[in-house]
Each structure stands twice: as C-alpha cells, then as structure tokens.
Amino acid sequence: MKDLSSLLKQAQDLQAKMADMQAKLETLEVSGESGGGMVRVTLNGKGIMRHVNIDDSLMSASDREVLEDLLVAAHNDAKTRLEQKLAEEMANVTGGLGLPPGLKFPF
C-alpha cells in the first residue's frame, strides 16, 4: 500500500504542476522572424498570434507577395520555437517521466 500511496502523491504533484504550466502559458510569448528580421511574429503559449512587426521597407504595393511569404515564414518560425519551448516546459513538469510519443500538451 505504501507504493500506491506514493504513486497517488506523484500523480497529485504532476496535476498541480500541469495546472501551473497551463497558467504560465497565458503569459509566455515566443517570437519568430523572417527576412533577416524584417518581419517578426509573436505568439503566446497557446499558439495565438499576439503581435506582428513589419519593416517599413516592405510596405509598398509591389512587395505584397514577398510580404505575404515573409509573414507565413515568420509565423512558422515562431510556431517551431513555441513547440520547442513547450517540450522543454513539459520535460520540466514531468521530470523526465517519458510520456508516450505523439502525446502533445497543452494542445
């Protein structure tokens, strides 16, 4: 029974850590960029775009397609960085528990 009680305690601790991490995601921000920093996109911890910064030199009508491509690239860069950060945070929370492959948190 001592092992069961220890296991339940670990599960409760993990649940509390997960709740803390969910709250932290609300304030986490990750930026990605493209075009050598000419376009920057910032996402929050839940993957919602919060800010877009565009260099003034890209604001002409003739550069529309370039700007659209740079926005997509910056968003993809930010999303990749966010996924890396979330993986690090999850590893900290689970203490190397080794969750099954493909199991993604929080989304």
N, C-alpha and C. Protein backbone atom coordinates (compact mmCIF):
# COMPACT_ATOMS: atom_id res chain seq x y z
N MET A 1 0.81 -1.21 0.00
CA MET A 1 0.00 0.00 0.00
C MET A 1 0.85 1.27 0.00
N LYS A 2 2.05 1.16 0.56
CA LYS A 2 2.92 2.33 0.60
C LYS A 2 3.26 2.80 -0.81
N ASP A 3 3.47 1.85 -1.75
CA ASP A 3 3.78 2.20 -3.13
C ASP A 3 2.60 2.89 -3.80
N LEU A 4 1.39 2.42 -3.52
CA LEU A 4 0.19 3.02 -4.09
C LEU A 4 0.03 4.44 -3.59
N SER A 5 0.26 4.64 -2.32
CA SER A 5 0.15 5.98 -1.75
C SER A 5 1.20 6.92 -2.35
N SER A 6 2.38 6.41 -2.57
CA SER A 6 3.45 7.20 -3.19
C SER A 6 3.08 7.55 -4.63
N LEU A 7 2.52 6.59 -5.35
CA LEU A 7 2.09 6.82 -6.73
C LEU A 7 1.00 7.87 -6.80
N LEU A 8 0.04 7.81 -5.89
CA LEU A 8 -1.04 8.81 -5.85
C LEU A 8 -0.49 10.19 -5.55
N LYS A 9 0.47 10.29 -4.67
CA LYS A 9 1.10 11.56 -4.33
C LYS A 9 1.82 12.14 -5.55
N GLN A 10 2.52 11.28 -6.29
CA GLN A 10 3.20 11.73 -7.51
C GLN A 10 2.19 12.23 -8.54
N ALA A 11 1.07 11.54 -8.67
CA ALA A 11 0.04 11.96 -9.62
C ALA A 11 -0.55 13.30 -9.23
N GLN A 12 -0.77 13.53 -7.95
CA GLN A 12 -1.28 14.82 -7.48
C GLN A 12 -0.28 15.93 -7.73
N ASP A 13 1.00 15.63 -7.48
CA ASP A 13 2.04 16.62 -7.74
C ASP A 13 2.11 16.98 -9.22
N LEU A 14 2.02 15.97 -10.07
CA LEU A 14 2.04 16.20 -11.52
C LEU A 14 0.84 17.02 -11.94
N GLN A 15 -0.32 16.76 -11.38
CA GLN A 15 -1.53 17.52 -11.71
C GLN A 15 -1.36 18.98 -11.31
N ALA A 16 -0.78 19.24 -10.17
CA ALA A 16 -0.56 20.62 -9.72
C ALA A 16 0.45 21.32 -10.64
N LYS A 17 1.49 20.60 -11.03
CA LYS A 17 2.49 21.19 -11.93
C LYS A 17 1.87 21.50 -13.30
N MET A 18 1.00 20.63 -13.78
CA MET A 18 0.34 20.86 -15.06
C MET A 18 -0.56 22.09 -14.99
N ALA A 19 -1.26 22.27 -13.88
CA ALA A 19 -2.10 23.45 -13.73
C ALA A 19 -1.25 24.71 -13.72
N ASP A 20 -0.11 24.66 -13.05
CA ASP A 20 0.81 25.80 -13.04
C ASP A 20 1.31 26.11 -14.44
N MET A 21 1.64 25.05 -15.19
CA MET A 21 2.13 25.26 -16.55
C MET A 21 1.05 25.87 -17.44
N GLN A 22 -0.18 25.43 -17.29
CA GLN A 22 -1.28 26.00 -18.08
C GLN A 22 -1.41 27.50 -17.81
N ALA A 23 -1.28 27.89 -16.55
CA ALA A 23 -1.36 29.31 -16.20
C ALA A 23 -0.17 30.07 -16.79
N LYS A 24 0.99 29.45 -16.79
CA LYS A 24 2.19 30.09 -17.32
C LYS A 24 2.07 30.31 -18.82
N LEU A 25 1.36 29.42 -19.52
CA LEU A 25 1.20 29.56 -20.96
C LEU A 25 0.49 30.85 -21.34
N GLU A 26 -0.34 31.35 -20.46
CA GLU A 26 -1.06 32.60 -20.73
C GLU A 26 -0.10 33.78 -20.88
N THR A 27 1.03 33.73 -20.18
CA THR A 27 1.97 34.85 -20.20
C THR A 27 3.19 34.60 -21.07
N LEU A 28 3.42 33.35 -21.48
CA LEU A 28 4.56 33.01 -22.31
C LEU A 28 4.40 33.62 -23.70
N GLU A 29 5.46 34.22 -24.21
CA GLU A 29 5.45 34.74 -25.58
C GLU A 29 6.73 34.30 -26.28
N VAL A 30 6.59 33.88 -27.54
CA VAL A 30 7.71 33.43 -28.35
C VAL A 30 7.62 34.15 -29.68
N SER A 31 8.77 34.67 -30.15
CA SER A 31 8.79 35.38 -31.43
C SER A 31 9.55 34.58 -32.48
N GLY A 32 9.10 34.72 -33.71
CA GLY A 32 9.78 34.16 -34.87
C GLY A 32 9.97 35.26 -35.88
N GLU A 33 10.96 35.09 -36.74
CA GLU A 33 11.22 36.15 -37.71
C GLU A 33 11.60 35.56 -39.05
N SER A 34 11.53 36.42 -40.06
CA SER A 34 11.95 36.05 -41.41
C SER A 34 12.48 37.29 -42.09
N GLY A 35 13.10 37.06 -43.25
CA GLY A 35 13.65 38.19 -44.00
C GLY A 35 14.73 38.92 -43.23
N GLY A 36 15.53 38.18 -42.48
CA GLY A 36 16.60 38.82 -41.72
C GLY A 36 16.08 39.76 -40.65
N GLY A 37 14.92 39.45 -40.11
CA GLY A 37 14.34 40.27 -39.05
C GLY A 37 13.39 41.36 -39.56
N MET A 38 13.13 41.37 -40.85
CA MET A 38 12.25 42.39 -41.41
C MET A 38 10.79 42.14 -41.03
N VAL A 39 10.46 40.88 -40.76
CA VAL A 39 9.12 40.53 -40.31
C VAL A 39 9.26 39.70 -39.04
N ARG A 40 8.53 40.09 -38.00
CA ARG A 40 8.57 39.37 -36.73
C ARG A 40 7.13 39.11 -36.28
N VAL A 41 6.89 37.86 -35.87
CA VAL A 41 5.58 37.43 -35.38
C VAL A 41 5.75 36.91 -33.96
N THR A 42 4.85 37.32 -33.06
CA THR A 42 4.90 36.87 -31.68
C THR A 42 3.64 36.08 -31.36
N LEU A 43 3.83 34.86 -30.81
CA LEU A 43 2.73 34.00 -30.41
C LEU A 43 2.72 33.86 -28.91
N ASN A 44 1.54 33.67 -28.33
CA ASN A 44 1.50 33.36 -26.90
C ASN A 44 1.68 31.85 -26.74
N GLY A 45 1.70 31.39 -25.51
CA GLY A 45 1.95 29.99 -25.22
C GLY A 45 0.92 29.03 -25.75
N LYS A 46 -0.21 29.54 -26.17
CA LYS A 46 -1.26 28.68 -26.72
C LYS A 46 -1.29 28.74 -28.24
N GLY A 47 -0.30 29.43 -28.83
CA GLY A 47 -0.19 29.49 -30.28
C GLY A 47 -1.00 30.59 -30.93
N ILE A 48 -1.55 31.50 -30.15
CA ILE A 48 -2.34 32.60 -30.69
C ILE A 48 -1.41 33.77 -31.02
N MET A 49 -1.54 34.29 -32.24
CA MET A 49 -0.69 35.39 -32.67
C MET A 49 -1.04 36.65 -31.88
N ARG A 50 -0.03 37.24 -31.27
CA ARG A 50 -0.24 38.43 -30.44
C ARG A 50 0.25 39.71 -31.11
N HIS A 51 1.36 39.64 -31.85
CA HIS A 51 1.93 40.83 -32.47
C HIS A 51 2.53 40.48 -33.83
N VAL A 52 2.52 41.47 -34.71
CA VAL A 52 3.22 41.38 -35.99
C VAL A 52 3.96 42.69 -36.17
N ASN A 53 5.26 42.60 -36.45
CA ASN A 53 6.06 43.79 -36.74
C ASN A 53 6.62 43.65 -38.15
N ILE A 54 6.41 44.68 -38.96
CA ILE A 54 6.85 44.66 -40.36
C ILE A 54 7.73 45.87 -40.60
N ASP A 55 8.90 45.64 -41.17
CA ASP A 55 9.82 46.72 -41.50
C ASP A 55 9.17 47.65 -42.52
N ASP A 56 9.35 48.94 -42.36
CA ASP A 56 8.74 49.93 -43.25
C ASP A 56 9.11 49.71 -44.71
N SER A 57 10.28 49.18 -44.98
CA SER A 57 10.72 48.99 -46.37
C SER A 57 9.86 47.98 -47.13
N LEU A 58 9.09 47.19 -46.44
CA LEU A 58 8.23 46.19 -47.08
C LEU A 58 6.82 46.68 -47.32
N MET A 59 6.54 47.92 -47.01
CA MET A 59 5.17 48.42 -47.05
C MET A 59 4.76 49.03 -48.39
N SER A 60 5.36 48.58 -49.49
CA SER A 60 4.93 49.08 -50.80
C SER A 60 4.10 48.01 -51.49
N ALA A 61 3.21 48.43 -52.36
CA ALA A 61 2.29 47.51 -53.03
C ALA A 61 3.04 46.48 -53.87
N SER A 62 4.19 46.85 -54.41
CA SER A 62 4.93 45.93 -55.28
C SER A 62 5.55 44.77 -54.50
N ASP A 63 5.69 44.91 -53.20
CA ASP A 63 6.28 43.86 -52.37
C ASP A 63 5.23 43.00 -51.66
N ARG A 64 4.01 43.08 -52.12
CA ARG A 64 2.92 42.37 -51.44
C ARG A 64 3.17 40.87 -51.31
N GLU A 65 3.54 40.21 -52.41
CA GLU A 65 3.76 38.76 -52.36
C GLU A 65 4.94 38.41 -51.46
N VAL A 66 5.99 39.21 -51.50
CA VAL A 66 7.14 38.98 -50.64
C VAL A 66 6.72 39.11 -49.19
N LEU A 67 5.96 40.13 -48.88
CA LEU A 67 5.49 40.35 -47.51
C LEU A 67 4.62 39.19 -47.04
N GLU A 68 3.72 38.72 -47.89
CA GLU A 68 2.86 37.60 -47.52
C GLU A 68 3.70 36.36 -47.21
N ASP A 69 4.69 36.08 -48.05
CA ASP A 69 5.57 34.93 -47.83
C ASP A 69 6.37 35.08 -46.54
N LEU A 70 6.85 36.30 -46.27
CA LEU A 70 7.62 36.54 -45.05
C LEU A 70 6.77 36.39 -43.80
N LEU A 71 5.50 36.79 -43.89
CA LEU A 71 4.60 36.62 -42.75
C LEU A 71 4.38 35.13 -42.44
N VAL A 72 4.17 34.35 -43.46
CA VAL A 72 3.99 32.91 -43.26
C VAL A 72 5.25 32.30 -42.68
N ALA A 73 6.41 32.67 -43.21
CA ALA A 73 7.67 32.12 -42.72
C ALA A 73 7.92 32.52 -41.27
N ALA A 74 7.63 33.77 -40.92
CA ALA A 74 7.82 34.23 -39.54
C ALA A 74 6.88 33.50 -38.59
N HIS A 75 5.64 33.29 -39.01
CA HIS A 75 4.69 32.56 -38.17
C HIS A 75 5.17 31.12 -37.96
N ASN A 76 5.64 30.48 -39.03
CA ASN A 76 6.12 29.11 -38.91
C ASN A 76 7.34 29.03 -37.99
N ASP A 77 8.22 30.02 -38.07
CA ASP A 77 9.39 30.07 -37.20
C ASP A 77 8.95 30.22 -35.74
N ALA A 78 8.01 31.10 -35.49
CA ALA A 78 7.51 31.29 -34.12
C ALA A 78 6.85 30.02 -33.61
N LYS A 79 6.08 29.35 -34.45
CA LYS A 79 5.40 28.11 -34.04
C LYS A 79 6.42 27.02 -33.69
N THR A 80 7.47 26.91 -34.48
CA THR A 80 8.53 25.93 -34.19
C THR A 80 9.20 26.23 -32.86
N ARG A 81 9.51 27.50 -32.62
CA ARG A 81 10.14 27.90 -31.37
C ARG A 81 9.21 27.64 -30.18
N LEU A 82 7.93 27.88 -30.38
CA LEU A 82 6.95 27.63 -29.32
C LEU A 82 6.89 26.15 -28.99
N GLU A 83 6.85 25.31 -30.00
CA GLU A 83 6.80 23.87 -29.77
C GLU A 83 8.04 23.39 -29.01
N GLN A 84 9.21 23.96 -29.34
CA GLN A 84 10.43 23.60 -28.62
C GLN A 84 10.35 24.03 -27.17
N LYS A 85 9.86 25.25 -26.94
CA LYS A 85 9.73 25.76 -25.58
C LYS A 85 8.74 24.92 -24.77
N LEU A 86 7.62 24.56 -25.39
CA LEU A 86 6.63 23.74 -24.70
C LEU A 86 7.19 22.36 -24.37
N ALA A 87 7.99 21.80 -25.26
CA ALA A 87 8.60 20.50 -24.99
C ALA A 87 9.55 20.59 -23.79
N GLU A 88 10.30 21.70 -23.71
CA GLU A 88 11.19 21.92 -22.57
C GLU A 88 10.39 22.05 -21.28
N GLU A 89 9.33 22.83 -21.33
CA GLU A 89 8.49 23.03 -20.14
C GLU A 89 7.85 21.72 -19.70
N MET A 90 7.39 20.93 -20.66
CA MET A 90 6.76 19.65 -20.34
C MET A 90 7.77 18.71 -19.70
N ALA A 91 9.00 18.71 -20.21
CA ALA A 91 10.04 17.86 -19.64
C ALA A 91 10.31 18.28 -18.20
N ASN A 92 10.27 19.59 -17.92
CA ASN A 92 10.47 20.07 -16.55
C ASN A 92 9.33 19.63 -15.64
N VAL A 93 8.12 19.71 -16.15
CA VAL A 93 6.94 19.36 -15.35
C VAL A 93 6.89 17.87 -15.04
N THR A 94 7.15 17.07 -16.07
CA THR A 94 7.02 15.62 -15.88
C THR A 94 8.27 15.01 -15.27
N GLY A 95 9.32 15.78 -15.17
CA GLY A 95 10.55 15.27 -14.57
C GLY A 95 11.12 14.09 -15.33
N GLY A 96 11.02 14.14 -16.66
CA GLY A 96 11.55 13.05 -17.46
C GLY A 96 10.74 11.78 -17.38
N LEU A 97 9.45 11.90 -17.10
CA LEU A 97 8.57 10.75 -16.95
C LEU A 97 8.51 9.92 -18.23
N GLY A 98 8.77 10.55 -19.36
CA GLY A 98 8.73 9.83 -20.62
C GLY A 98 7.32 9.55 -21.08
N LEU A 99 6.61 10.59 -21.48
CA LEU A 99 5.25 10.42 -21.98
C LEU A 99 5.28 9.71 -23.33
N PRO A 100 4.21 9.04 -23.71
CA PRO A 100 4.17 8.30 -24.96
C PRO A 100 4.42 9.21 -26.16
N PRO A 101 5.08 8.71 -27.21
CA PRO A 101 5.32 9.52 -28.40
C PRO A 101 4.01 10.01 -29.00
N GLY A 102 4.01 11.25 -29.47
CA GLY A 102 2.82 11.82 -30.07
C GLY A 102 1.88 12.48 -29.11
N LEU A 103 2.09 12.29 -27.81
CA LEU A 103 1.24 12.93 -26.81
C LEU A 103 1.71 14.36 -26.65
N LYS A 104 0.87 15.32 -27.05
CA LYS A 104 1.25 16.72 -27.01
C LYS A 104 0.42 17.46 -26.01
N PHE A 105 1.07 18.32 -25.25
CA PHE A 105 0.39 19.20 -24.32
C PHE A 105 0.77 20.61 -24.65
N PRO A 106 -0.03 21.60 -24.48
CA PRO A 106 -1.40 21.57 -23.99
C PRO A 106 -2.41 21.43 -25.10
N PHE A 107 -1.98 21.40 -26.36
CA PHE A 107 -2.94 21.32 -27.47
C PHE A 107 -2.50 20.31 -28.48
